[in-house]
C-alpha atoms as a PDB file:
ATOM      1  CA  UNK A   1      28.279  12.933  37.419  1.00  0.00           C
ATOM      2  CA  UNK A   2      25.859  10.854  35.274  1.00  0.00           C
ATOM      3  CA  UNK A   3      24.676  12.619  32.126  1.00  0.00           C
ATOM      4  CA  UNK A   4      21.048  12.405  30.981  1.00  0.00           C
ATOM      5  CA  UNK A   5      20.643  11.559  27.295  1.00  0.00           C
ATOM      6  CA  UNK A   6      17.523  12.065  25.186  1.00  0.00           C
ATOM      7  CA  UNK A   7      16.573   9.493  22.513  1.00  0.00           C
ATOM      8  CA  UNK A   8      16.111  10.835  18.994  1.00  0.00           C
ATOM      9  CA  UNK A   9      13.338   9.426  16.818  1.00  0.00           C
ATOM     10  CA  UNK A  10      13.161   9.303  13.032  1.00  0.00           C
ATOM     11  CA  UNK A  11       9.547   9.198  11.882  1.00  0.00           C
ATOM     12  CA  UNK A  12       8.465   6.954   9.002  1.00  0.00           C
ATOM     13  CA  UNK A  13       7.493   8.438   5.641  1.00  0.00           C
ATOM     14  CA  UNK A  14       3.753   8.124   5.125  1.00  0.00           C
ATOM     15  CA  UNK A  15       3.241  10.009   1.853  1.00  0.00           C
ATOM     16  CA  UNK A  16       0.194   8.814  -0.091  1.00  0.00           C
ATOM     17  CA  UNK A  17       0.501   9.194  -3.855  1.00  0.00           C
ATOM     18  CA  UNK A  18      -3.290   9.233  -4.212  1.00  0.00           C
ATOM     19  CA  UNK A  19      -4.797  12.733  -4.101  1.00  0.00           C
ATOM     20  CA  UNK A  20      -8.384  11.473  -3.811  1.00  0.00           C
ATOM     21  CA  UNK A  21      -8.229   8.490  -1.425  1.00  0.00           C
ATOM     22  CA  UNK A  22     -11.963   8.241  -0.789  1.00  0.00           C
ATOM     23  CA  UNK A  23     -13.613   9.585  -3.950  1.00  0.00           C
ATOM     24  CA  UNK A  24     -14.231  12.874  -2.128  1.00  0.00           C
ATOM     25  CA  UNK A  25     -13.525  14.711  -5.408  1.00  0.00           C
ATOM     26  CA  UNK A  26     -15.738  12.543  -7.578  1.00  0.00           C
ATOM     27  CA  UNK A  27     -13.918   9.533  -8.969  1.00  0.00           C
ATOM     28  CA  UNK A  28     -11.050  11.672 -10.281  1.00  0.00           C
ATOM     29  CA  UNK A  29      -7.833   9.648 -10.249  1.00  0.00           C
ATOM     30  CA  UNK A  30      -9.503   6.268 -10.751  1.00  0.00           C
ATOM     31  CA  UNK A  31     -10.834   4.147 -13.555  1.00  0.00           C
ATOM     32  CA  UNK A  32     -12.384   0.719 -13.703  1.00  0.00           C
ATOM     33  CA  UNK A  33     -11.314  -2.417 -15.502  1.00  0.00           C
ATOM     34  CA  UNK A  34     -14.351  -4.418 -16.526  1.00  0.00           C
ATOM     35  CA  UNK A  35     -16.182  -2.091 -14.113  1.00  0.00           C
ATOM     36  CA  UNK A  36     -17.817   1.286 -13.606  1.00  0.00           C
ATOM     37  CA  UNK A  37     -16.545   3.539 -10.811  1.00  0.00           C
ATOM     38  CA  UNK A  38     -18.904   6.001  -9.133  1.00  0.00           C
ATOM     39  CA  UNK A  39     -19.189   8.034  -5.936  1.00  0.00           C
ATOM     40  CA  UNK A  40     -21.219   6.499  -3.103  1.00  0.00           C
ATOM     41  CA  UNK A  41     -22.569   7.932   0.145  1.00  0.00           C
ATOM     42  CA  UNK A  42     -21.652   4.676   1.907  1.00  0.00           C
ATOM     43  CA  UNK A  43     -18.370   5.608   3.549  1.00  0.00           C
ATOM     44  CA  UNK A  44     -15.792   4.705   6.161  1.00  0.00           C
ATOM     45  CA  UNK A  45     -14.564   8.296   6.538  1.00  0.00           C
ATOM     46  CA  UNK A  46     -15.141  11.644   4.913  1.00  0.00           C
ATOM     47  CA  UNK A  47     -18.206  12.248   2.759  1.00  0.00           C
ATOM     48  CA  UNK A  48     -18.041   9.372   0.289  1.00  0.00           C
ATOM     49  CA  UNK A  49     -16.385   6.232  -1.005  1.00  0.00           C
ATOM     50  CA  UNK A  50     -15.727   4.715  -4.414  1.00  0.00           C
ATOM     51  CA  UNK A  51     -18.448   2.349  -5.659  1.00  0.00           C
ATOM     52  CA  UNK A  52     -17.105  -0.306  -8.031  1.00  0.00           C
ATOM     53  CA  UNK A  53     -19.646  -2.210 -10.146  1.00  0.00           C
ATOM     54  CA  UNK A  54     -18.660  -5.068 -12.467  1.00  0.00           C
ATOM     55  CA  UNK A  55     -19.989  -4.455 -15.985  1.00  0.00           C
ATOM     56  CA  UNK A  56     -18.776  -7.520 -17.909  1.00  0.00           C
ATOM     57  CA  UNK A  57     -17.407  -5.344 -20.716  1.00  0.00           C
ATOM     58  CA  UNK A  58     -14.239  -7.398 -21.260  1.00  0.00           C
ATOM     59  CA  UNK A  59     -15.599 -10.862 -20.557  1.00  0.00           C
ATOM     60  CA  UNK A  60     -12.849 -11.431 -17.970  1.00  0.00           C
ATOM     61  CA  UNK A  61     -13.943 -13.158 -14.725  1.00  0.00           C
ATOM     62  CA  UNK A  62     -12.760 -10.271 -12.511  1.00  0.00           C
ATOM     63  CA  UNK A  63     -13.139  -6.515 -12.188  1.00  0.00           C
ATOM     64  CA  UNK A  64     -11.202  -3.763 -10.451  1.00  0.00           C
ATOM     65  CA  UNK A  65     -10.777  -0.129  -9.492  1.00  0.00           C
ATOM     66  CA  UNK A  66      -7.422   1.175 -10.699  1.00  0.00           C
ATOM     67  CA  UNK A  67      -5.512   4.148  -9.317  1.00  0.00           C
ATOM     68  CA  UNK A  68      -4.393   6.283 -12.241  1.00  0.00           C
ATOM     69  CA  UNK A  69      -1.473   7.708 -10.228  1.00  0.00           C
ATOM     70  CA  UNK A  70       1.618   5.498 -10.626  1.00  0.00           C
ATOM     71  CA  UNK A  71       4.908   5.380  -8.759  1.00  0.00           C
ATOM     72  CA  UNK A  72       7.313   6.363 -11.536  1.00  0.00           C
ATOM     73  CA  UNK A  73      10.686   4.781 -12.327  1.00  0.00           C
ATOM     74  CA  UNK A  74      11.001   2.576  -9.227  1.00  0.00           C
ATOM     75  CA  UNK A  75      14.502   1.211  -8.644  1.00  0.00           C
ATOM     76  CA  UNK A  76      15.182  -2.453  -8.007  1.00  0.00           C
ATOM     77  CA  UNK A  77      14.444  -3.232  -4.377  1.00  0.00           C
ATOM     78  CA  UNK A  78      12.009  -0.350  -3.887  1.00  0.00           C
ATOM     79  CA  UNK A  79       9.384  -1.419  -1.338  1.00  0.00           C
ATOM     80  CA  UNK A  80       5.828  -0.259  -2.041  1.00  0.00           C
ATOM     81  CA  UNK A  81       2.705  -0.695   0.060  1.00  0.00           C
ATOM     82  CA  UNK A  82      -0.934  -0.343  -0.947  1.00  0.00           C
ATOM     83  CA  UNK A  83      -3.953  -0.401   1.347  1.00  0.00           C
ATOM     84  CA  UNK A  84      -7.692   0.156   1.070  1.00  0.00           C
ATOM     85  CA  UNK A  85     -10.784  -0.302   3.191  1.00  0.00           C
ATOM     86  CA  UNK A  86     -13.497  -2.340   1.481  1.00  0.00           C
ATOM     87  CA  UNK A  87     -17.026  -3.594   2.091  1.00  0.00           C
ATOM     88  CA  UNK A  88     -20.113  -4.801   0.250  1.00  0.00           C
ATOM     89  CA  UNK A  89     -23.876  -4.560   0.613  1.00  0.00           C
ATOM     90  CA  UNK A  90     -24.083  -8.319   1.175  1.00  0.00           C
ATOM     91  CA  UNK A  91     -21.875 -10.956   2.811  1.00  0.00           C
ATOM     92  CA  UNK A  92     -21.995 -13.522   0.019  1.00  0.00           C
ATOM     93  CA  UNK A  93     -18.452 -14.916   0.008  1.00  0.00           C
ATOM     94  CA  UNK A  94     -16.876 -12.692  -2.645  1.00  0.00           C
ATOM     95  CA  UNK A  95     -13.133 -12.075  -2.295  1.00  0.00           C
ATOM     96  CA  UNK A  96     -11.112  -8.922  -3.045  1.00  0.00           C
ATOM     97  CA  UNK A  97      -7.366  -8.289  -3.139  1.00  0.00           C
ATOM     98  CA  UNK A  98      -5.113  -5.265  -3.089  1.00  0.00           C
ATOM     99  CA  UNK A  99      -2.626  -5.653  -5.937  1.00  0.00           C
ATOM    100  CA  UNK A 100       0.362  -3.843  -7.422  1.00  0.00           C
ATOM    101  CA  UNK A 101       2.014  -4.241 -10.797  1.00  0.00           C
ATOM    102  CA  UNK A 102       5.522  -3.273 -11.893  1.00  0.00           C
ATOM    103  CA  UNK A 103       5.902  -2.601 -15.606  1.00  0.00           C
ATOM    104  CA  UNK A 104       8.215  -1.180 -18.238  1.00  0.00           C
ATOM    105  CA  UNK A 105      11.729  -2.187 -19.204  1.00  0.00           C
ATOM    106  CA  UNK A 106      12.710  -5.456 -20.847  1.00  0.00           C
ATOM    107  CA  UNK A 107      11.197  -7.808 -18.234  1.00  0.00           C
ATOM    108  CA  UNK A 108       7.525  -8.801 -18.462  1.00  0.00           C
ATOM    109  CA  UNK A 109       5.109  -6.951 -16.192  1.00  0.00           C
ATOM    110  CA  UNK A 110       4.700  -8.574 -12.773  1.00  0.00           C
ATOM    111  CA  UNK A 111       1.738  -8.360 -10.386  1.00  0.00           C
ATOM    112  CA  UNK A 112       1.899  -8.899  -6.629  1.00  0.00           C
ATOM    113  CA  UNK A 113      -1.384  -9.686  -4.846  1.00  0.00           C
ATOM    114  CA  UNK A 114      -2.076  -9.170  -1.167  1.00  0.00           C
ATOM    115  CA  UNK A 115      -3.961 -11.746   0.872  1.00  0.00           C
ATOM    116  CA  UNK A 116      -7.552 -12.157  -0.280  1.00  0.00           C
ATOM    117  CA  UNK A 117     -10.288 -10.833   1.975  1.00  0.00           C
ATOM    118  CA  UNK A 118     -13.891 -12.034   2.037  1.00  0.00           C
ATOM    119  CA  UNK A 119     -16.257  -9.078   1.713  1.00  0.00           C
ATOM    120  CA  UNK A 120     -18.799  -8.394   4.438  1.00  0.00           C
ATOM    121  CA  UNK A 121     -21.124  -5.495   5.228  1.00  0.00           C
ATOM    122  CA  UNK A 122     -18.439  -4.075   7.571  1.00  0.00           C
ATOM    123  CA  UNK A 123     -15.383  -2.080   6.525  1.00  0.00           C
ATOM    124  CA  UNK A 124     -12.199  -4.184   6.485  1.00  0.00           C
ATOM    125  CA  UNK A 125      -8.666  -3.247   5.450  1.00  0.00           C
ATOM    126  CA  UNK A 126      -6.757  -5.014   2.698  1.00  0.00           C
ATOM    127  CA  UNK A 127      -3.102  -4.490   1.850  1.00  0.00           C
ATOM    128  CA  UNK A 128      -0.303  -5.599  -0.440  1.00  0.00           C
ATOM    129  CA  UNK A 129       3.469  -5.289  -0.243  1.00  0.00           C
ATOM    130  CA  UNK A 130       5.746  -5.407  -3.286  1.00  0.00           C
ATOM    131  CA  UNK A 131       9.504  -5.209  -3.774  1.00  0.00           C
ATOM    132  CA  UNK A 132      10.422  -4.125  -7.314  1.00  0.00           C
ATOM    133  CA  UNK A 133      12.554  -6.954  -8.701  1.00  0.00           C
ATOM    134  CA  UNK A 134      13.495  -5.867 -12.238  1.00  0.00           C
ATOM    135  CA  UNK A 135      15.684  -3.041 -13.495  1.00  0.00           C
ATOM    136  CA  UNK A 136      14.416  -0.448 -15.964  1.00  0.00           C
ATOM    137  CA  UNK A 137      10.863  -0.311 -14.634  1.00  0.00           C
ATOM    138  CA  UNK A 138       8.986   2.816 -15.669  1.00  0.00           C
ATOM    139  CA  UNK A 139       6.046   2.542 -13.247  1.00  0.00           C
ATOM    140  CA  UNK A 140       4.303   0.637 -10.484  1.00  0.00           C
ATOM    141  CA  UNK A 141       0.497   0.659 -10.307  1.00  0.00           C
ATOM    142  CA  UNK A 142      -2.125  -0.083  -7.634  1.00  0.00           C
ATOM    143  CA  UNK A 143      -5.576  -1.576  -7.968  1.00  0.00           C
ATOM    144  CA  UNK A 144      -8.244  -3.378  -5.948  1.00  0.00           C
ATOM    145  CA  UNK A 145      -9.652  -6.428  -7.690  1.00  0.00           C
ATOM    146  CA  UNK A 146     -12.525  -8.821  -7.075  1.00  0.00           C
ATOM    147  CA  UNK A 147     -11.782 -12.240  -8.537  1.00  0.00           C
ATOM    148  CA  UNK A 148     -13.870 -14.035  -9.501  1.00  0.00           C
ATOM    149  CA  UNK A 149     -16.325 -11.279 -10.278  1.00  0.00           C
ATOM    150  CA  UNK A 150     -19.201 -10.797 -12.647  1.00  0.00           C
ATOM    151  CA  UNK A 151     -21.453  -8.116 -14.096  1.00  0.00           C
ATOM    152  CA  UNK A 152     -23.674  -6.370 -11.582  1.00  0.00           C
ATOM    153  CA  UNK A 153     -21.620  -7.224  -8.502  1.00  0.00           C
ATOM    154  CA  UNK A 154     -20.574  -4.280  -6.320  1.00  0.00           C
ATOM    155  CA  UNK A 155     -17.963  -3.443  -3.706  1.00  0.00           C
ATOM    156  CA  UNK A 156     -16.993  -0.166  -2.072  1.00  0.00           C
ATOM    157  CA  UNK A 157     -13.450   1.112  -1.491  1.00  0.00           C
ATOM    158  CA  UNK A 158     -12.435   3.967   0.787  1.00  0.00           C
ATOM    159  CA  UNK A 159      -9.261   5.470   2.258  1.00  0.00           C
ATOM    160  CA  UNK A 160      -7.018   4.044  -0.469  1.00  0.00           C
ATOM    161  CA  UNK A 161      -3.282   4.557   0.032  1.00  0.00           C
ATOM    162  CA  UNK A 162      -0.293   3.820  -2.197  1.00  0.00           C
ATOM    163  CA  UNK A 163       3.372   4.714  -1.844  1.00  0.00           C
ATOM    164  CA  UNK A 164       6.725   3.824  -0.390  1.00  0.00           C
ATOM    165  CA  UNK A 165       6.554   1.353   2.473  1.00  0.00           C
ATOM    166  CA  UNK A 166       6.835   3.307   5.722  1.00  0.00           C
ATOM    167  CA  UNK A 167       9.867   2.409   7.774  1.00  0.00           C
ATOM    168  CA  UNK A 168       9.427   1.720  11.463  1.00  0.00           C
ATOM    169  CA  UNK A 169      10.449   4.582  13.720  1.00  0.00           C
ATOM    170  CA  UNK A 170      13.996   4.182  14.934  1.00  0.00           C
ATOM    171  CA  UNK A 171      15.187   5.409  18.296  1.00  0.00           C
ATOM    172  CA  UNK A 172      18.843   6.068  18.947  1.00  0.00           C
ATOM    173  CA  UNK A 173      20.027   6.626  22.507  1.00  0.00           C
ATOM    174  CA  UNK A 174      23.540   8.017  22.777  1.00  0.00           C
ATOM    175  CA  UNK A 175      25.676   5.988  25.182  1.00  0.00           C
ATOM    176  CA  UNK A 176      26.219   7.245  28.706  1.00  0.00           C
ATOM    177  CA  UNK A 177      29.735   8.650  29.235  1.00  0.00           C
ATOM    178  CA  UNK A 178      30.222   5.922  31.854  1.00  0.00           C
ATOM    179  CA  UNK A 179      29.204   3.000  29.581  1.00  0.00           C
ATOM    180  CA  UNK A 180      31.928   0.854  27.978  1.00  0.00           C
ATOM    181  CA  UNK A 181      30.814   1.866  24.473  1.00  0.00           C
ATOM    182  CA  UNK A 182      31.617   5.512  25.300  1.00  0.00           C
ATOM    183  CA  UNK A 183      35.128   4.733  26.542  1.00  0.00           C
ATOM    184  CA  UNK A 184      38.215   4.656  24.374  1.00  0.00           C
ATOM    185  CA  UNK A 185      39.131   1.107  23.385  1.00  0.00           C
ATOM    186  CA  UNK A 186      42.414   0.074  25.050  1.00  0.00           C
ATOM    187  CA  UNK A 187      44.145  -1.224  21.952  1.00  0.00           C
ATOM    188  CA  UNK A 188      47.284  -3.306  22.387  1.00  0.00           C
ATOM    189  CA  UNK A 189      47.022  -4.095  26.072  1.00  0.00           C
ATOM    190  CA  UNK A 190      45.255  -7.451  25.668  1.00  0.00           C
ATOM    191  CA  UNK A 191      47.152 -10.663  24.932  1.00  0.00           C
ATOM    192  CA  UNK A 192      46.583 -11.788  21.360  1.00  0.00           C
ATOM    193  CA  UNK A 193      45.443  -8.368  20.062  1.00  0.00           C
END
């Protein structure tokens, strides 16, 4: 009699290290580099988003919002993913990137940028993927950067996420008792075995 088997599914891990992904709790958990970070009513979800305004304080030709929560002590080969939804008040050709940096240990810090996205007045998602490639790292960080960028320019970021790269769900179907893979292998009865 055929036996019915039920597939088993392992769900991916989707833990977000960021406790305040859309500046719902003020701008707690974020700071700006060469920029001011504030809460804005312009939003993709929830009640608010993070407003990032270049202030020119460092003289560098870029500015960013930085997540203050880091992934600590990542091992070599750890896969991390960062995403954010971004927009602007104007569609003037400015480009933003999601970026991650691994740091600590004897190797120099290394930054991995995601594909650049041209800002528009609509929400668009950006992302970056990084595999930690040096031993002894003490942290990996996430930020969203506009480069080039200058004082007075603004973008908004919402629904930020940072953590281990989710693995695709895997489905395992046990073999049917009548399939060859469920039968004992007849060892020794084949020529040349």
